[in-house]
Amino acid sequence: MSRVFTWDGSFELLNDETMLEGLERQGYAVEYQCRAGYCGSCRTTLVGGEVEYITEPLAYVNPGEILPCCCRPAPEARVDVEVVGSSRNEERRQDAVEDIDQYVEKLF
């Protein structure tokens, strides 16, 4: 099994699971569209480690980015990913909001 590390913890991927499927199973609401590497919607930053693509993505991927919909951590590798816009991030933000006025909220 492969281990994935995020900003708030880590988890093991199941045997035939993509990184996107594992993130979803752990409660992250990662944006996606195609689940096959065509659109690039699930693009995220790879902080460290290496991944192997199950299917080679057709979407453009910048250096330091990955498409979790079609990759897994390389064997025996520890992969750190930065997940932006996940439900876990939203829950964290909701705990750190101060209303300035009816139109503005301050995030901590």
PDB file of N, CA and C in Angstrom:
ATOM      1  N   MET A   1       0.832  -1.191   0.000  1.00  0.00           N
ATOM      2  CA  MET A   1       0.000   0.000   0.000  1.00  0.00           C
ATOM      3  C   MET A   1       0.868   1.244   0.000  1.00  0.00           C
ATOM      4  N   SER A   2       0.315   2.316  -0.524  1.00  0.00           N
ATOM      5  CA  SER A   2       1.028   3.585  -0.600  1.00  0.00           C
ATOM      6  C   SER A   2       0.442   4.562   0.404  1.00  0.00           C
ATOM      7  N   ARG A   3       1.286   5.403   0.959  1.00  0.00           N
ATOM      8  CA  ARG A   3       0.850   6.395   1.942  1.00  0.00           C
ATOM      9  C   ARG A   3       0.850   7.777   1.314  1.00  0.00           C
ATOM     10  N   VAL A   4      -0.237   8.532   1.553  1.00  0.00           N
ATOM     11  CA  VAL A   4      -0.395   9.897   1.063  1.00  0.00           C
ATOM     12  C   VAL A   4      -0.449  10.818   2.276  1.00  0.00           C
ATOM     13  N   PHE A   5       0.309  11.901   2.225  1.00  0.00           N
ATOM     14  CA  PHE A   5       0.338  12.891   3.306  1.00  0.00           C
ATOM     15  C   PHE A   5      -0.297  14.179   2.809  1.00  0.00           C
ATOM     16  N   THR A   6      -1.165  14.764   3.617  1.00  0.00           N
ATOM     17  CA  THR A   6      -1.781  16.048   3.306  1.00  0.00           C
ATOM     18  C   THR A   6      -1.455  17.016   4.434  1.00  0.00           C
ATOM     19  N   TRP A   7      -1.934  18.234   4.345  1.00  0.00           N
ATOM     20  CA  TRP A   7      -1.623  19.242   5.363  1.00  0.00           C
ATOM     21  C   TRP A   7      -2.152  18.865   6.736  1.00  0.00           C
ATOM     22  N   ASP A   8      -3.152  18.003   6.819  1.00  0.00           N
ATOM     23  CA  ASP A   8      -3.729  17.687   8.129  1.00  0.00           C
ATOM     24  C   ASP A   8      -3.652  16.214   8.511  1.00  0.00           C
ATOM     25  N   GLY A   9      -2.830  15.434   7.841  1.00  0.00           N
ATOM     26  CA  GLY A   9      -2.706  14.029   8.223  1.00  0.00           C
ATOM     27  C   GLY A   9      -2.190  13.168   7.087  1.00  0.00           C
ATOM     28  N   SER A  10      -2.402  11.861   7.209  1.00  0.00           N
ATOM     29  CA  SER A  10      -1.971  10.924   6.179  1.00  0.00           C
ATOM     30  C   SER A  10      -2.927   9.750   6.144  1.00  0.00           C
ATOM     31  N   PHE A  11      -2.863   8.988   5.051  1.00  0.00           N
ATOM     32  CA  PHE A  11      -3.708   7.808   4.896  1.00  0.00           C
ATOM     33  C   PHE A  11      -3.084   6.854   3.899  1.00  0.00           C
ATOM     34  N   GLU A  12      -3.515   5.607   3.956  1.00  0.00           N
ATOM     35  CA  GLU A  12      -3.076   4.574   3.020  1.00  0.00           C
ATOM     36  C   GLU A  12      -4.060   4.488   1.862  1.00  0.00           C
ATOM     37  N   LEU A  13      -3.533   4.362   0.643  1.00  0.00           N
ATOM     38  CA  LEU A  13      -4.391   4.095  -0.512  1.00  0.00           C
ATOM     39  C   LEU A  13      -4.696   2.605  -0.556  1.00  0.00           C
ATOM     40  N   LEU A  14      -5.892   2.260  -0.962  1.00  0.00           N
ATOM     41  CA  LEU A  14      -6.242   0.865  -1.182  1.00  0.00           C
ATOM     42  C   LEU A  14      -5.540   0.373  -2.446  1.00  0.00           C
ATOM     43  N   ASN A  15      -5.476  -0.927  -2.655  1.00  0.00           N
ATOM     44  CA  ASN A  15      -4.670  -1.519  -3.728  1.00  0.00           C
ATOM     45  C   ASN A  15      -4.896  -0.939  -5.121  1.00  0.00           C
ATOM     46  N   ASP A  16      -6.140  -0.838  -5.580  1.00  0.00           N
ATOM     47  CA  ASP A  16      -6.401  -0.363  -6.946  1.00  0.00           C
ATOM     48  C   ASP A  16      -6.985   1.044  -6.969  1.00  0.00           C
ATOM     49  N   GLU A  17      -6.716   1.817  -5.955  1.00  0.00           N
ATOM     50  CA  GLU A  17      -7.317   3.141  -5.805  1.00  0.00           C
ATOM     51  C   GLU A  17      -6.398   4.224  -6.388  1.00  0.00           C
ATOM     52  N   THR A  18      -6.996   5.198  -7.096  1.00  0.00           N
ATOM     53  CA  THR A  18      -6.217   6.363  -7.514  1.00  0.00           C
ATOM     54  C   THR A  18      -6.084   7.301  -6.320  1.00  0.00           C
ATOM     55  N   MET A  19      -5.190   8.253  -6.448  1.00  0.00           N
ATOM     56  CA  MET A  19      -5.021   9.208  -5.366  1.00  0.00           C
ATOM     57  C   MET A  19      -6.311  10.009  -5.152  1.00  0.00           C
ATOM     58  N   LEU A  20      -7.019  10.363  -6.226  1.00  0.00           N
ATOM     59  CA  LEU A  20      -8.284  11.085  -6.104  1.00  0.00           C
ATOM     60  C   LEU A  20      -9.308  10.262  -5.326  1.00  0.00           C
ATOM     61  N   GLU A  21      -9.434   8.993  -5.648  1.00  0.00           N
ATOM     62  CA  GLU A  21     -10.386   8.129  -4.931  1.00  0.00           C
ATOM     63  C   GLU A  21     -10.039   8.044  -3.452  1.00  0.00           C
ATOM     64  N   GLY A  22      -8.754   7.952  -3.137  1.00  0.00           N
ATOM     65  CA  GLY A  22      -8.325   7.912  -1.742  1.00  0.00           C
ATOM     66  C   GLY A  22      -8.628   9.211  -1.019  1.00  0.00           C
ATOM     67  N   LEU A  23      -8.363  10.347  -1.676  1.00  0.00           N
ATOM     68  CA  LEU A  23      -8.670  11.644  -1.065  1.00  0.00           C
ATOM     69  C   LEU A  23     -10.164  11.773  -0.790  1.00  0.00           C
ATOM     70  N   GLU A  24     -10.985  11.342  -1.736  1.00  0.00           N
ATOM     71  CA  GLU A  24     -12.443  11.392  -1.542  1.00  0.00           C
ATOM     72  C   GLU A  24     -12.870  10.476  -0.397  1.00  0.00           C
ATOM     73  N   ARG A  25     -12.307   9.281  -0.339  1.00  0.00           N
ATOM     74  CA  ARG A  25     -12.647   8.335   0.728  1.00  0.00           C
ATOM     75  C   ARG A  25     -12.321   8.913   2.100  1.00  0.00           C
ATOM     76  N   GLN A  26     -11.289   9.760   2.157  1.00  0.00           N
ATOM     77  CA  GLN A  26     -10.883  10.379   3.420  1.00  0.00           C
ATOM     78  C   GLN A  26     -11.658  11.661   3.723  1.00  0.00           C
ATOM     79  N   GLY A  27     -12.603  12.042   2.853  1.00  0.00           N
ATOM     80  CA  GLY A  27     -13.439  13.206   3.126  1.00  0.00           C
ATOM     81  C   GLY A  27     -13.024  14.492   2.458  1.00  0.00           C
ATOM     82  N   TYR A  28     -12.021  14.453   1.589  1.00  0.00           N
ATOM     83  CA  TYR A  28     -11.618  15.650   0.851  1.00  0.00           C
ATOM     84  C   TYR A  28     -12.525  15.814  -0.363  1.00  0.00           C
ATOM     85  N   ALA A  29     -13.010  17.005  -0.570  1.00  0.00           N
ATOM     86  CA  ALA A  29     -13.866  17.298  -1.723  1.00  0.00           C
ATOM     87  C   ALA A  29     -13.010  17.921  -2.815  1.00  0.00           C
ATOM     88  N   VAL A  30     -12.203  17.133  -3.468  1.00  0.00           N
ATOM     89  CA  VAL A  30     -11.312  17.610  -4.517  1.00  0.00           C
ATOM     90  C   VAL A  30     -12.126  17.866  -5.774  1.00  0.00           C
ATOM     91  N   GLU A  31     -11.897  19.014  -6.388  1.00  0.00           N
ATOM     92  CA  GLU A  31     -12.605  19.321  -7.635  1.00  0.00           C
ATOM     93  C   GLU A  31     -12.120  18.375  -8.726  1.00  0.00           C
ATOM     94  N   TYR A  32     -13.044  17.873  -9.532  1.00  0.00           N
ATOM     95  CA  TYR A  32     -12.687  17.014 -10.658  1.00  0.00           C
ATOM     96  C   TYR A  32     -13.803  17.077 -11.684  1.00  0.00           C
ATOM     97  N   GLN A  33     -13.541  16.609 -12.889  1.00  0.00           N
ATOM     98  CA  GLN A  33     -14.551  16.523 -13.935  1.00  0.00           C
ATOM     99  C   GLN A  33     -14.507  15.162 -14.625  1.00  0.00           C
ATOM    100  N   CYS A  34     -13.348  14.810 -15.182  1.00  0.00           N
ATOM    101  CA  CYS A  34     -13.293  13.636 -16.067  1.00  0.00           C
ATOM    102  C   CYS A  34     -12.841  12.350 -15.395  1.00  0.00           C
ATOM    103  N   ARG A  35     -12.054  12.423 -14.340  1.00  0.00           N
ATOM    104  CA  ARG A  35     -11.471  11.267 -13.649  1.00  0.00           C
ATOM    105  C   ARG A  35     -10.527  10.449 -14.536  1.00  0.00           C
ATOM    106  N   ALA A  36     -10.019  11.046 -15.611  1.00  0.00           N
ATOM    107  CA  ALA A  36      -9.162  10.294 -16.520  1.00  0.00           C
ATOM    108  C   ALA A  36      -7.951  11.076 -17.011  1.00  0.00           C
ATOM    109  N   GLY A  37      -7.681  12.261 -16.476  1.00  0.00           N
ATOM    110  CA  GLY A  37      -6.517  13.025 -16.883  1.00  0.00           C
ATOM    111  C   GLY A  37      -6.707  13.893 -18.104  1.00  0.00           C
ATOM    112  N   TYR A  38      -7.945  14.079 -18.558  1.00  0.00           N
ATOM    113  CA  TYR A  38      -8.209  14.884 -19.752  1.00  0.00           C
ATOM    114  C   TYR A  38      -8.369  16.370 -19.453  1.00  0.00           C
ATOM    115  N   CYS A  39      -9.047  16.698 -18.355  1.00  0.00           N
ATOM    116  CA  CYS A  39      -9.465  18.088 -18.128  1.00  0.00           C
ATOM    117  C   CYS A  39      -8.518  18.898 -17.251  1.00  0.00           C
ATOM    118  N   GLY A  40      -7.833  18.287 -16.314  1.00  0.00           N
ATOM    119  CA  GLY A  40      -6.931  19.004 -15.425  1.00  0.00           C
ATOM    120  C   GLY A  40      -7.598  19.654 -14.232  1.00  0.00           C
ATOM    121  N   SER A  41      -8.889  19.426 -14.024  1.00  0.00           N
ATOM    122  CA  SER A  41      -9.614  20.064 -12.922  1.00  0.00           C
ATOM    123  C   SER A  41      -9.099  19.658 -11.552  1.00  0.00           C
ATOM    124  N   CYS A  42      -8.591  18.464 -11.413  1.00  0.00           N
ATOM    125  CA  CYS A  42      -8.140  17.976 -10.105  1.00  0.00           C
ATOM    126  C   CYS A  42      -6.682  18.339  -9.818  1.00  0.00           C
ATOM    127  N   ARG A  43      -6.063  19.110 -10.684  1.00  0.00           N
ATOM    128  CA  ARG A  43      -4.648  19.483 -10.540  1.00  0.00           C
ATOM    129  C   ARG A  43      -4.343  19.936  -9.115  1.00  0.00           C
ATOM    130  N   THR A  44      -3.274  19.403  -8.542  1.00  0.00           N
ATOM    131  CA  THR A  44      -2.853  19.786  -7.200  1.00  0.00           C
ATOM    132  C   THR A  44      -1.328  19.813  -7.140  1.00  0.00           C
ATOM    133  N   THR A  45      -0.814  20.443  -6.117  1.00  0.00           N
ATOM    134  CA  THR A  45       0.636  20.572  -5.958  1.00  0.00           C
ATOM    135  C   THR A  45       1.214  19.326  -5.295  1.00  0.00           C
ATOM    136  N   LEU A  46       2.289  18.825  -5.850  1.00  0.00           N
ATOM    137  CA  LEU A  46       3.043  17.728  -5.245  1.00  0.00           C
ATOM    138  C   LEU A  46       4.150  18.362  -4.420  1.00  0.00           C
ATOM    139  N   VAL A  47       4.054  18.248  -3.117  1.00  0.00           N
ATOM    140  CA  VAL A  47       5.014  18.885  -2.213  1.00  0.00           C
ATOM    141  C   VAL A  47       6.298  18.078  -2.119  1.00  0.00           C
ATOM    142  N   GLY A  48       6.194  16.770  -2.192  1.00  0.00           N
ATOM    143  CA  GLY A  48       7.370  15.909  -2.135  1.00  0.00           C
ATOM    144  C   GLY A  48       7.011  14.509  -2.552  1.00  0.00           C
ATOM    145  N   GLY A  49       7.999  13.716  -2.868  1.00  0.00           N
ATOM    146  CA  GLY A  49       7.755  12.339  -3.287  1.00  0.00           C
ATOM    147  C   GLY A  49       7.554  12.237  -4.788  1.00  0.00           C
ATOM    148  N   GLU A  50       7.185  11.049  -5.237  1.00  0.00           N
ATOM    149  CA  GLU A  50       6.989  10.795  -6.661  1.00  0.00           C
ATOM    150  C   GLU A  50       5.699  10.027  -6.879  1.00  0.00           C
ATOM    151  N   VAL A  51       5.099  10.215  -8.053  1.00  0.00           N
ATOM    152  CA  VAL A  51       3.896   9.477  -8.412  1.00  0.00           C
ATOM    153  C   VAL A  51       4.131   8.723  -9.712  1.00  0.00           C
ATOM    154  N   GLU A  52       3.310   7.711  -9.926  1.00  0.00           N
ATOM    155  CA  GLU A  52       3.276   6.983 -11.189  1.00  0.00           C
ATOM    156  C   GLU A  52       1.882   7.157 -11.762  1.00  0.00           C
ATOM    157  N   TYR A  53       1.818   7.478 -13.048  1.00  0.00           N
ATOM    158  CA  TYR A  53       0.516   7.638 -13.696  1.00  0.00           C
ATOM    159  C   TYR A  53       0.003   6.288 -14.169  1.00  0.00           C
ATOM    160  N   ILE A  54      -1.241   5.989 -13.800  1.00  0.00           N
ATOM    161  CA  ILE A  54      -1.910   4.764 -14.244  1.00  0.00           C
ATOM    162  C   ILE A  54      -2.201   4.895 -15.733  1.00  0.00           C
ATOM    163  N   THR A  55      -2.707   6.060 -16.119  1.00  0.00           N
ATOM    164  CA  THR A  55      -2.865   6.437 -17.523  1.00  0.00           C
ATOM    165  C   THR A  55      -2.196   7.793 -17.680  1.00  0.00           C
ATOM    166  N   GLU A  56      -1.453   7.968 -18.752  1.00  0.00           N
ATOM    167  CA  GLU A  56      -0.742   9.226 -18.980  1.00  0.00           C
ATOM    168  C   GLU A  56      -1.759  10.348 -19.211  1.00  0.00           C
ATOM    169  N   PRO A  57      -1.681  11.433 -18.448  1.00  0.00           N
ATOM    170  CA  PRO A  57      -2.669  12.503 -18.587  1.00  0.00           C
ATOM    171  C   PRO A  57      -2.523  13.252 -19.918  1.00  0.00           C
ATOM    172  N   LEU A  58      -3.651  13.674 -20.472  1.00  0.00           N
ATOM    173  CA  LEU A  58      -3.634  14.498 -21.672  1.00  0.00           C
ATOM    174  C   LEU A  58      -3.654  15.981 -21.313  1.00  0.00           C
ATOM    175  N   ALA A  59      -4.147  16.314 -20.124  1.00  0.00           N
ATOM    176  CA  ALA A  59      -4.161  17.702 -19.668  1.00  0.00           C
ATOM    177  C   ALA A  59      -2.738  18.151 -19.370  1.00  0.00           C
ATOM    178  N   TYR A  60      -2.479  19.432 -19.577  1.00  0.00           N
ATOM    179  CA  TYR A  60      -1.163  19.986 -19.276  1.00  0.00           C
ATOM    180  C   TYR A  60      -0.967  20.018 -17.764  1.00  0.00           C
ATOM    181  N   VAL A  61       0.214  19.587 -17.322  1.00  0.00           N
ATOM    182  CA  VAL A  61       0.547  19.593 -15.902  1.00  0.00           C
ATOM    183  C   VAL A  61       1.858  20.361 -15.737  1.00  0.00           C
ATOM    184  N   ASN A  62       1.821  21.421 -14.942  1.00  0.00           N
ATOM    185  CA  ASN A  62       3.024  22.212 -14.673  1.00  0.00           C
ATOM    186  C   ASN A  62       4.008  21.398 -13.838  1.00  0.00           C
ATOM    187  N   PRO A  63       5.291  21.747 -13.892  1.00  0.00           N
ATOM    188  CA  PRO A  63       6.258  21.087 -13.000  1.00  0.00           C
ATOM    189  C   PRO A  63       5.825  21.266 -11.540  1.00  0.00           C
ATOM    190  N   GLY A  64       5.886  20.193 -10.761  1.00  0.00           N
ATOM    191  CA  GLY A  64       5.484  20.254  -9.357  1.00  0.00           C
ATOM    192  C   GLY A  64       4.001  20.029  -9.128  1.00  0.00           C
ATOM    193  N   GLU A  65       3.251  19.769 -10.189  1.00  0.00           N
ATOM    194  CA  GLU A  65       1.822  19.474 -10.064  1.00  0.00           C
ATOM    195  C   GLU A  65       1.548  18.041 -10.491  1.00  0.00           C
ATOM    196  N   ILE A  66       0.426  17.510 -10.016  1.00  0.00           N
ATOM    197  CA  ILE A  66      -0.024  16.169 -10.414  1.00  0.00           C
ATOM    198  C   ILE A  66      -1.522  16.203 -10.655  1.00  0.00           C
ATOM    199  N   LEU A  67      -2.009  15.178 -11.340  1.00  0.00           N
ATOM    200  CA  LEU A  67      -3.447  14.962 -11.511  1.00  0.00           C
ATOM    201  C   LEU A  67      -3.803  13.722 -10.704  1.00  0.00           C
ATOM    202  N   PRO A  68      -4.354  13.889  -9.499  1.00  0.00           N
ATOM    203  CA  PRO A  68      -4.628  12.734  -8.641  1.00  0.00           C
ATOM    204  C   PRO A  68      -5.665  11.771  -9.203  1.00  0.00           C
ATOM    205  N   CYS A  69      -6.413  12.174 -10.230  1.00  0.00           N
ATOM    206  CA  CYS A  69      -7.428  11.279 -10.796  1.00  0.00           C
ATOM    207  C   CYS A  69      -6.822  10.087 -11.522  1.00  0.00           C
ATOM    208  N   CYS A  70      -5.555  10.199 -11.930  1.00  0.00           N
ATOM    209  CA  CYS A  70      -4.977   9.109 -12.717  1.00  0.00           C
ATOM    210  C   CYS A  70      -3.576   8.723 -12.260  1.00  0.00           C
ATOM    211  N   CYS A  71      -3.271   8.961 -10.979  1.00  0.00           N
ATOM    212  CA  CYS A  71      -1.946   8.572 -10.487  1.00  0.00           C
ATOM    213  C   CYS A  71      -2.022   7.953  -9.102  1.00  0.00           C
ATOM    214  N   ARG A  72      -0.923   7.349  -8.730  1.00  0.00           N
ATOM    215  CA  ARG A  72      -0.709   6.753  -7.406  1.00  0.00           C
ATOM    216  C   ARG A  72       0.709   7.087  -6.979  1.00  0.00           C
ATOM    217  N   PRO A  73       0.993   7.069  -5.688  1.00  0.00           N
ATOM    218  CA  PRO A  73       2.379   7.238  -5.266  1.00  0.00           C
ATOM    219  C   PRO A  73       3.235   6.108  -5.824  1.00  0.00           C
ATOM    220  N   ALA A  74       4.471   6.427  -6.167  1.00  0.00           N
ATOM    221  CA  ALA A  74       5.400   5.397  -6.638  1.00  0.00           C
ATOM    222  C   ALA A  74       5.594   4.374  -5.518  1.00  0.00           C
ATOM    223  N   PRO A  75       5.907   3.121  -5.870  1.00  0.00           N
ATOM    224  CA  PRO A  75       6.098   2.103  -4.836  1.00  0.00           C
ATOM    225  C   PRO A  75       7.109   2.545  -3.781  1.00  0.00           C
ATOM    226  N   GLU A  76       6.776   2.278  -2.545  1.00  0.00           N
ATOM    227  CA  GLU A  76       7.650   2.591  -1.422  1.00  0.00           C
ATOM    228  C   GLU A  76       7.924   4.082  -1.258  1.00  0.00           C
ATOM    229  N   ALA A  77       7.092   4.927  -1.868  1.00  0.00           N
ATOM    230  CA  ALA A  77       7.306   6.371  -1.747  1.00  0.00           C
ATOM    231  C   ALA A  77       6.273   6.977  -0.805  1.00  0.00           C
ATOM    232  N   ARG A  78       6.655   8.051  -0.167  1.00  0.00           N
ATOM    233  CA  ARG A  78       5.731   8.847   0.640  1.00  0.00           C
ATOM    234  C   ARG A  78       5.449  10.113  -0.146  1.00  0.00           C
ATOM    235  N   VAL A  79       4.198  10.393  -0.423  1.00  0.00           N
ATOM    236  CA  VAL A  79       3.835  11.537  -1.242  1.00  0.00           C
ATOM    237  C   VAL A  79       3.099  12.558  -0.393  1.00  0.00           C
ATOM    238  N   ASP A  80       3.551  13.805  -0.456  1.00  0.00           N
ATOM    239  CA  ASP A  80       2.877  14.902   0.231  1.00  0.00           C
ATOM    240  C   ASP A  80       2.138  15.719  -0.822  1.00  0.00           C
ATOM    241  N   VAL A  81       0.841  15.911  -0.627  1.00  0.00           N
ATOM    242  CA  VAL A  81       0.059  16.703  -1.575  1.00  0.00           C
ATOM    243  C   VAL A  81      -0.602  17.868  -0.859  1.00  0.00           C
ATOM    244  N   GLU A  82      -0.705  18.980  -1.565  1.00  0.00           N
ATOM    245  CA  GLU A  82      -1.413  20.133  -1.051  1.00  0.00           C
ATOM    246  C   GLU A  82      -2.782  20.128  -1.703  1.00  0.00           C
ATOM    247  N   VAL A  83      -3.822  19.947  -0.901  1.00  0.00           N
ATOM    248  CA  VAL A  83      -5.178  19.892  -1.415  1.00  0.00           C
ATOM    249  C   VAL A  83      -5.854  21.218  -1.099  1.00  0.00           C
ATOM    250  N   VAL A  84      -6.229  21.953  -2.139  1.00  0.00           N
ATOM    251  CA  VAL A  84      -6.884  23.247  -1.977  1.00  0.00           C
ATOM    252  C   VAL A  84      -8.357  23.092  -2.318  1.00  0.00           C
ATOM    253  N   GLY A  85      -9.221  23.751  -1.562  1.00  0.00           N
ATOM    254  CA  GLY A  85     -10.647  23.718  -1.851  1.00  0.00           C
ATOM    255  C   GLY A  85     -11.334  22.450  -1.396  1.00  0.00           C
ATOM    256  N   SER A  86     -10.763  21.753  -0.438  1.00  0.00           N
ATOM    257  CA  SER A  86     -11.388  20.532   0.051  1.00  0.00           C
ATOM    258  C   SER A  86     -12.392  20.854   1.140  1.00  0.00           C
ATOM    259  N   SER A  87     -13.292  19.936   1.398  1.00  0.00           N
ATOM    260  CA  SER A  87     -14.281  20.139   2.455  1.00  0.00           C
ATOM    261  C   SER A  87     -13.594  20.251   3.804  1.00  0.00           C
ATOM    262  N   ARG A  88     -12.485  19.538   3.991  1.00  0.00           N
ATOM    263  CA  ARG A  88     -11.755  19.643   5.257  1.00  0.00           C
ATOM    264  C   ARG A  88     -11.191  21.047   5.419  1.00  0.00           C
ATOM    265  N   ASN A  89     -10.695  21.644   4.334  1.00  0.00           N
ATOM    266  CA  ASN A  89     -10.198  23.015   4.412  1.00  0.00           C
ATOM    267  C   ASN A  89     -11.333  23.971   4.745  1.00  0.00           C
ATOM    268  N   GLU A  90     -12.506  23.759   4.160  1.00  0.00           N
ATOM    269  CA  GLU A  90     -13.651  24.629   4.425  1.00  0.00           C
ATOM    270  C   GLU A  90     -14.060  24.554   5.886  1.00  0.00           C
ATOM    271  N   GLU A  91     -14.080  23.347   6.458  1.00  0.00           N
ATOM    272  CA  GLU A  91     -14.424  23.202   7.872  1.00  0.00           C
ATOM    273  C   GLU A  91     -13.437  23.967   8.737  1.00  0.00           C
ATOM    274  N   ARG A  92     -12.170  23.899   8.383  1.00  0.00           N
ATOM    275  CA  ARG A  92     -11.136  24.597   9.144  1.00  0.00           C
ATOM    276  C   ARG A  92     -11.355  26.101   9.049  1.00  0.00           C
ATOM    277  N   ARG A  93     -11.672  26.601   7.866  1.00  0.00           N
ATOM    278  CA  ARG A  93     -11.893  28.031   7.683  1.00  0.00           C
ATOM    279  C   ARG A  93     -13.112  28.509   8.455  1.00  0.00           C
ATOM    280  N   GLN A  94     -14.157  27.705   8.516  1.00  0.00           N
ATOM    281  CA  GLN A  94     -15.366  28.125   9.208  1.00  0.00           C
ATOM    282  C   GLN A  94     -15.100  28.363  10.692  1.00  0.00           C
ATOM    283  N   ASP A  95     -14.121  27.664  11.250  1.00  0.00           N
ATOM    284  CA  ASP A  95     -13.784  27.872  12.652  1.00  0.00           C
ATOM    285  C   ASP A  95     -13.021  29.164  12.871  1.00  0.00           C
ATOM    286  N   ALA A  96     -12.500  29.738  11.804  1.00  0.00           N
ATOM    287  CA  ALA A  96     -11.631  30.898  11.937  1.00  0.00           C
ATOM    288  C   ALA A  96     -12.160  32.079  11.118  1.00  0.00           C
ATOM    289  N   VAL A  97     -13.419  32.441  11.332  1.00  0.00           N
ATOM    290  CA  VAL A  97     -14.042  33.541  10.607  1.00  0.00           C
ATOM    291  C   VAL A  97     -14.590  34.553  11.599  1.00  0.00           C
ATOM    292  N   GLU A  98     -14.309  35.818  11.326  1.00  0.00           N
ATOM    293  CA  GLU A  98     -14.851  36.898  12.147  1.00  0.00           C
ATOM    294  C   GLU A  98     -15.613  37.842  11.229  1.00  0.00           C
ATOM    295  N   ASP A  99     -16.876  38.125  11.549  1.00  0.00           N
ATOM    296  CA  ASP A  99     -17.663  39.066  10.759  1.00  0.00           C
ATOM    297  C   ASP A  99     -17.196  40.483  11.042  1.00  0.00           C
ATOM    298  N   ILE A 100     -16.768  41.182   9.984  1.00  0.00           N
ATOM    299  CA  ILE A 100     -16.358  42.576  10.106  1.00  0.00           C
ATOM    300  C   ILE A 100     -17.601  43.462   9.977  1.00  0.00           C
ATOM    301  N   ASP A 101     -18.390  43.219   8.959  1.00  0.00           N
ATOM    302  CA  ASP A 101     -19.702  43.849   8.783  1.00  0.00           C
ATOM    303  C   ASP A 101     -20.537  42.903   7.940  1.00  0.00           C
ATOM    304  N   GLN A 102     -21.682  43.354   7.457  1.00  0.00           N
ATOM    305  CA  GLN A 102     -22.567  42.431   6.742  1.00  0.00           C
ATOM    306  C   GLN A 102     -22.002  41.973   5.406  1.00  0.00           C
ATOM    307  N   TYR A 103     -20.965  42.633   4.894  1.00  0.00           N
ATOM    308  CA  TYR A 103     -20.389  42.284   3.595  1.00  0.00           C
ATOM    309  C   TYR A 103     -18.991  41.668   3.667  1.00  0.00           C
ATOM    310  N   VAL A 104     -18.332  41.764   4.808  1.00  0.00           N
ATOM    311  CA  VAL A 104     -16.931  41.358   4.905  1.00  0.00           C
ATOM    312  C   VAL A 104     -16.733  40.387   6.057  1.00  0.00           C
ATOM    313  N   GLU A 105     -15.979  39.319   5.780  1.00  0.00           N
ATOM    314  CA  GLU A 105     -15.576  38.377   6.812  1.00  0.00           C
ATOM    315  C   GLU A 105     -14.058  38.321   6.842  1.00  0.00           C
ATOM    316  N   LYS A 106     -13.479  38.248   8.017  1.00  0.00           N
ATOM    317  CA  LYS A 106     -12.035  38.115   8.178  1.00  0.00           C
ATOM    318  C   LYS A 106     -11.720  36.648   8.443  1.00  0.00           C
ATOM    319  N   LEU A 107     -10.849  36.068   7.611  1.00  0.00           N
ATOM    320  CA  LEU A 107     -10.429  34.676   7.773  1.00  0.00           C
ATOM    321  C   LEU A 107      -9.100  34.636   8.491  1.00  0.00           C
ATOM    322  N   PHE A 108      -8.937  33.705   9.415  1.00  0.00           N
ATOM    323  CA  PHE A 108      -7.679  33.550  10.146  1.00  0.00           C
ATOM    324  C   PHE A 108      -6.951  32.333   9.660  1.00  0.00           C
TER     325      PHE A 108
END
